[in-house]
């Protein structure tokens, strides 16, 4: 049995993913930790968008179309989760 290595990620896409994670994910994490309730809710939604874009970028960069299911499910679940949190915190917002 021989193991086949996964295709390598293009260096340009790797750097784009890293810059996206740091430049967009960092402020979102900071807002989640230090913001008030409304800012935290928005930051969590924005962080899920950033994570979805990152996962799509990595799936395309590795030429694995089957990996696109994960960001699709993440996008659907994060929207539903945000609506649940908005309903839960509706009285305090």
N, C-alpha and C. Protein backbone atom coordinates (compact mmCIF):
# COMPACT_ATOMS: atom_id res chain seq x y z
N UNK A 1 0.85 -1.17 0.00
CA UNK A 1 0.00 0.00 0.00
C UNK A 1 0.89 1.23 0.00
N UNK A 2 0.67 2.11 -0.94
CA UNK A 2 1.46 3.33 -1.01
C UNK A 2 0.58 4.52 -0.63
N UNK A 3 1.15 5.42 0.10
CA UNK A 3 0.44 6.64 0.50
C UNK A 3 0.75 7.74 -0.50
N UNK A 4 -0.28 8.41 -0.91
CA UNK A 4 -0.12 9.50 -1.87
C UNK A 4 -0.25 10.81 -1.10
N UNK A 5 0.72 11.68 -1.28
CA UNK A 5 0.69 12.96 -0.58
C UNK A 5 -0.36 13.87 -1.20
N UNK A 6 -0.91 14.73 -0.37
CA UNK A 6 -1.87 15.71 -0.87
C UNK A 6 -1.15 16.73 -1.74
N UNK A 7 -1.84 17.28 -2.71
CA UNK A 7 -1.18 18.29 -3.55
C UNK A 7 -0.79 19.50 -2.71
N UNK A 8 0.34 20.06 -3.04
CA UNK A 8 0.84 21.19 -2.27
C UNK A 8 0.02 22.43 -2.57
N UNK A 9 -0.11 23.25 -1.58
CA UNK A 9 -0.81 24.52 -1.72
C UNK A 9 0.12 25.51 -2.42
N UNK A 10 -0.41 26.23 -3.35
CA UNK A 10 0.39 27.23 -4.05
C UNK A 10 0.88 28.27 -3.04
N UNK A 11 2.14 28.67 -3.11
CA UNK A 11 2.68 29.61 -2.13
C UNK A 11 1.92 30.93 -2.07
N UNK A 12 1.45 31.40 -3.20
CA UNK A 12 0.71 32.67 -3.21
C UNK A 12 -0.60 32.53 -2.45
N UNK A 13 -1.31 31.43 -2.66
CA UNK A 13 -2.57 31.22 -1.94
C UNK A 13 -2.33 31.00 -0.45
N UNK A 14 -1.23 30.38 -0.12
CA UNK A 14 -0.89 30.22 1.29
C UNK A 14 -0.66 31.55 1.98
N UNK A 15 0.06 32.44 1.32
CA UNK A 15 0.30 33.77 1.90
C UNK A 15 -0.98 34.58 1.97
N UNK A 16 -1.82 34.46 0.96
CA UNK A 16 -3.10 35.18 0.99
C UNK A 16 -3.95 34.67 2.15
N UNK A 17 -3.98 33.37 2.36
CA UNK A 17 -4.74 32.80 3.47
C UNK A 17 -4.19 33.27 4.81
N UNK A 18 -2.87 33.33 4.93
CA UNK A 18 -2.26 33.78 6.19
C UNK A 18 -2.57 35.25 6.46
N UNK A 19 -2.45 36.08 5.44
CA UNK A 19 -2.74 37.50 5.61
C UNK A 19 -4.21 37.71 5.93
N UNK A 20 -5.09 36.97 5.28
CA UNK A 20 -6.52 37.07 5.55
C UNK A 20 -6.83 36.65 6.98
N UNK A 21 -6.22 35.58 7.42
CA UNK A 21 -6.48 35.11 8.79
C UNK A 21 -6.02 36.11 9.83
N UNK A 22 -4.86 36.71 9.61
CA UNK A 22 -4.31 37.66 10.59
C UNK A 22 -5.00 39.01 10.50
N UNK A 23 -5.15 39.53 9.27
CA UNK A 23 -5.68 40.88 9.10
C UNK A 23 -7.18 40.96 9.37
N UNK A 24 -7.92 39.93 9.03
CA UNK A 24 -9.36 39.97 9.24
C UNK A 24 -9.78 39.21 10.50
N UNK A 25 -9.10 38.13 10.80
CA UNK A 25 -9.48 37.34 11.98
C UNK A 25 -9.02 37.95 13.29
N UNK A 26 -7.88 38.62 13.27
CA UNK A 26 -7.35 39.23 14.50
C UNK A 26 -8.27 40.27 15.10
N UNK A 27 -8.69 41.29 14.34
CA UNK A 27 -9.61 42.27 14.90
C UNK A 27 -10.96 41.67 15.32
N UNK A 28 -11.40 40.63 14.60
CA UNK A 28 -12.65 39.97 14.99
C UNK A 28 -12.50 39.30 16.35
N UNK A 29 -11.39 38.61 16.55
CA UNK A 29 -11.17 37.97 17.85
C UNK A 29 -11.04 39.00 18.97
N UNK A 30 -10.41 40.12 18.67
CA UNK A 30 -10.29 41.18 19.66
C UNK A 30 -11.66 41.75 20.02
N UNK A 31 -12.52 41.94 19.02
CA UNK A 31 -13.87 42.44 19.28
C UNK A 31 -14.71 41.43 20.04
N UNK A 32 -14.49 40.15 19.77
CA UNK A 32 -15.23 39.12 20.51
C UNK A 32 -14.84 39.13 21.99
N UNK A 33 -13.57 39.38 22.26
CA UNK A 33 -13.09 39.36 23.65
C UNK A 33 -13.42 40.64 24.41
N UNK A 34 -13.41 41.79 23.74
CA UNK A 34 -13.51 43.05 24.47
C UNK A 34 -14.74 43.89 24.18
N UNK A 35 -15.57 43.52 23.24
CA UNK A 35 -16.71 44.35 22.88
C UNK A 35 -17.91 44.12 23.77
N UNK A 36 -18.92 44.97 23.58
CA UNK A 36 -20.17 44.74 24.30
C UNK A 36 -20.97 43.68 23.55
N UNK A 37 -22.20 43.41 23.97
CA UNK A 37 -22.94 42.28 23.42
C UNK A 37 -23.18 42.41 21.92
N UNK A 38 -23.56 43.60 21.46
CA UNK A 38 -23.83 43.79 20.04
C UNK A 38 -22.59 43.64 19.19
N UNK A 39 -21.48 44.21 19.66
CA UNK A 39 -20.23 44.09 18.93
C UNK A 39 -19.74 42.65 18.88
N UNK A 40 -19.93 41.93 19.95
CA UNK A 40 -19.52 40.51 19.98
C UNK A 40 -20.31 39.69 18.98
N UNK A 41 -21.60 39.97 18.89
CA UNK A 41 -22.45 39.23 17.96
C UNK A 41 -22.02 39.49 16.52
N UNK A 42 -21.76 40.73 16.20
CA UNK A 42 -21.32 41.07 14.85
C UNK A 42 -19.94 40.49 14.57
N UNK A 43 -19.06 40.53 15.56
CA UNK A 43 -17.70 40.00 15.37
C UNK A 43 -17.72 38.49 15.16
N UNK A 44 -18.59 37.78 15.85
CA UNK A 44 -18.69 36.33 15.65
C UNK A 44 -19.18 36.02 14.25
N UNK A 45 -20.16 36.79 13.77
CA UNK A 45 -20.65 36.58 12.41
C UNK A 45 -19.56 36.88 11.39
N UNK A 46 -18.83 37.96 11.59
CA UNK A 46 -17.75 38.30 10.66
C UNK A 46 -16.63 37.28 10.71
N UNK A 47 -16.34 36.75 11.89
CA UNK A 47 -15.32 35.71 12.02
C UNK A 47 -15.73 34.44 11.29
N UNK A 48 -17.01 34.11 11.31
CA UNK A 48 -17.46 32.93 10.56
C UNK A 48 -17.37 33.17 9.06
N UNK A 49 -17.59 34.40 8.61
CA UNK A 49 -17.43 34.71 7.19
C UNK A 49 -15.96 34.57 6.79
N UNK A 50 -15.07 35.08 7.63
CA UNK A 50 -13.63 34.97 7.36
C UNK A 50 -13.21 33.50 7.32
N UNK A 51 -13.69 32.71 8.26
CA UNK A 51 -13.35 31.29 8.28
C UNK A 51 -13.88 30.57 7.04
N UNK A 52 -15.07 30.93 6.60
CA UNK A 52 -15.64 30.32 5.40
C UNK A 52 -14.80 30.66 4.17
N UNK A 53 -14.42 31.92 4.04
CA UNK A 53 -13.59 32.32 2.90
C UNK A 53 -12.23 31.62 2.96
N UNK A 54 -11.66 31.51 4.14
CA UNK A 54 -10.38 30.83 4.30
C UNK A 54 -10.48 29.36 3.88
N UNK A 55 -11.52 28.70 4.31
CA UNK A 55 -11.68 27.29 3.96
C UNK A 55 -11.91 27.10 2.46
N UNK A 56 -12.66 28.01 1.84
CA UNK A 56 -12.86 27.93 0.39
C UNK A 56 -11.54 28.15 -0.32
N UNK A 57 -10.77 29.13 0.13
CA UNK A 57 -9.48 29.43 -0.47
C UNK A 57 -8.53 28.23 -0.37
N UNK A 58 -8.49 27.59 0.78
CA UNK A 58 -7.62 26.43 0.95
C UNK A 58 -8.09 25.23 0.13
N UNK A 59 -9.40 25.04 0.02
CA UNK A 59 -9.92 23.93 -0.79
C UNK A 59 -9.61 24.13 -2.27
N UNK A 60 -9.75 25.34 -2.74
CA UNK A 60 -9.44 25.63 -4.14
C UNK A 60 -7.94 25.56 -4.37
N UNK A 61 -7.16 26.05 -3.41
CA UNK A 61 -5.71 26.04 -3.55
C UNK A 61 -5.12 24.64 -3.59
N UNK A 62 -5.74 23.70 -2.91
CA UNK A 62 -5.26 22.32 -2.92
C UNK A 62 -5.93 21.48 -4.00
N UNK A 63 -6.81 22.09 -4.77
CA UNK A 63 -7.52 21.41 -5.85
C UNK A 63 -8.31 20.21 -5.32
N UNK A 64 -9.03 20.44 -4.25
CA UNK A 64 -9.88 19.41 -3.64
C UNK A 64 -11.32 19.91 -3.60
N UNK A 65 -12.10 19.71 -4.64
CA UNK A 65 -13.48 20.22 -4.64
C UNK A 65 -14.37 19.55 -3.60
N UNK A 66 -13.99 18.38 -3.14
CA UNK A 66 -14.81 17.72 -2.12
C UNK A 66 -14.71 18.43 -0.77
N UNK A 67 -13.66 19.22 -0.57
CA UNK A 67 -13.51 19.97 0.68
C UNK A 67 -14.40 21.21 0.73
N UNK A 68 -15.08 21.53 -0.35
CA UNK A 68 -15.95 22.71 -0.35
C UNK A 68 -17.24 22.49 0.42
N UNK A 69 -17.53 21.26 0.81
CA UNK A 69 -18.72 20.98 1.60
C UNK A 69 -18.61 21.59 3.00
N UNK A 70 -17.41 21.58 3.56
CA UNK A 70 -17.22 22.09 4.92
C UNK A 70 -17.52 23.58 5.01
N UNK A 71 -16.98 24.44 4.14
CA UNK A 71 -17.35 25.85 4.25
C UNK A 71 -18.82 26.13 3.97
N UNK A 72 -19.44 25.32 3.10
CA UNK A 72 -20.85 25.50 2.84
C UNK A 72 -21.68 25.22 4.09
N UNK A 73 -21.38 24.14 4.79
CA UNK A 73 -22.08 23.82 6.03
C UNK A 73 -21.78 24.86 7.10
N UNK A 74 -20.54 25.32 7.17
CA UNK A 74 -20.18 26.37 8.14
C UNK A 74 -20.97 27.64 7.89
N UNK A 75 -21.14 28.03 6.64
CA UNK A 75 -21.91 29.24 6.33
C UNK A 75 -23.37 29.10 6.76
N UNK A 76 -23.96 27.94 6.53
CA UNK A 76 -25.35 27.73 6.91
C UNK A 76 -25.52 27.66 8.42
N UNK A 77 -24.63 26.97 9.10
CA UNK A 77 -24.74 26.81 10.55
C UNK A 77 -24.44 28.13 11.26
N UNK A 78 -23.48 28.89 10.75
CA UNK A 78 -23.13 30.15 11.43
C UNK A 78 -24.26 31.15 11.32
N UNK A 79 -24.98 31.17 10.21
CA UNK A 79 -26.12 32.06 10.09
C UNK A 79 -27.21 31.68 11.09
N UNK A 80 -27.50 30.40 11.17
CA UNK A 80 -28.51 29.94 12.13
C UNK A 80 -28.06 30.21 13.56
N UNK A 81 -26.78 30.00 13.85
CA UNK A 81 -26.27 30.26 15.19
C UNK A 81 -26.35 31.73 15.56
N UNK A 82 -26.07 32.60 14.62
CA UNK A 82 -26.17 34.03 14.89
C UNK A 82 -27.61 34.44 15.15
N UNK A 83 -28.53 33.87 14.43
CA UNK A 83 -29.94 34.17 14.68
C UNK A 83 -30.39 33.68 16.05
N UNK A 84 -29.88 32.53 16.47
CA UNK A 84 -30.22 32.02 17.80
C UNK A 84 -29.64 32.92 18.88
N UNK A 85 -28.38 33.35 18.72
CA UNK A 85 -27.79 34.26 19.70
C UNK A 85 -28.52 35.59 19.72
N UNK A 86 -28.92 36.10 18.56
CA UNK A 86 -29.66 37.37 18.53
C UNK A 86 -31.00 37.23 19.24
N UNK A 87 -31.63 36.10 19.07
CA UNK A 87 -32.89 35.88 19.78
C UNK A 87 -32.66 35.75 21.29
N UNK A 88 -31.59 35.07 21.66
CA UNK A 88 -31.28 34.86 23.07
C UNK A 88 -30.93 36.18 23.76
N UNK A 89 -30.14 37.01 23.08
CA UNK A 89 -29.73 38.29 23.67
C UNK A 89 -30.66 39.44 23.27
N UNK A 90 -31.80 39.14 22.71
CA UNK A 90 -32.71 40.17 22.21
C UNK A 90 -33.15 41.15 23.27
N UNK A 91 -33.26 40.73 24.48
CA UNK A 91 -33.70 41.63 25.55
C UNK A 91 -32.60 42.56 26.03
N UNK A 92 -31.35 42.14 25.87
CA UNK A 92 -30.25 42.96 26.38
C UNK A 92 -29.66 43.87 25.32
N UNK A 93 -29.93 43.61 24.05
CA UNK A 93 -29.34 44.42 22.99
C UNK A 93 -30.07 45.71 22.82
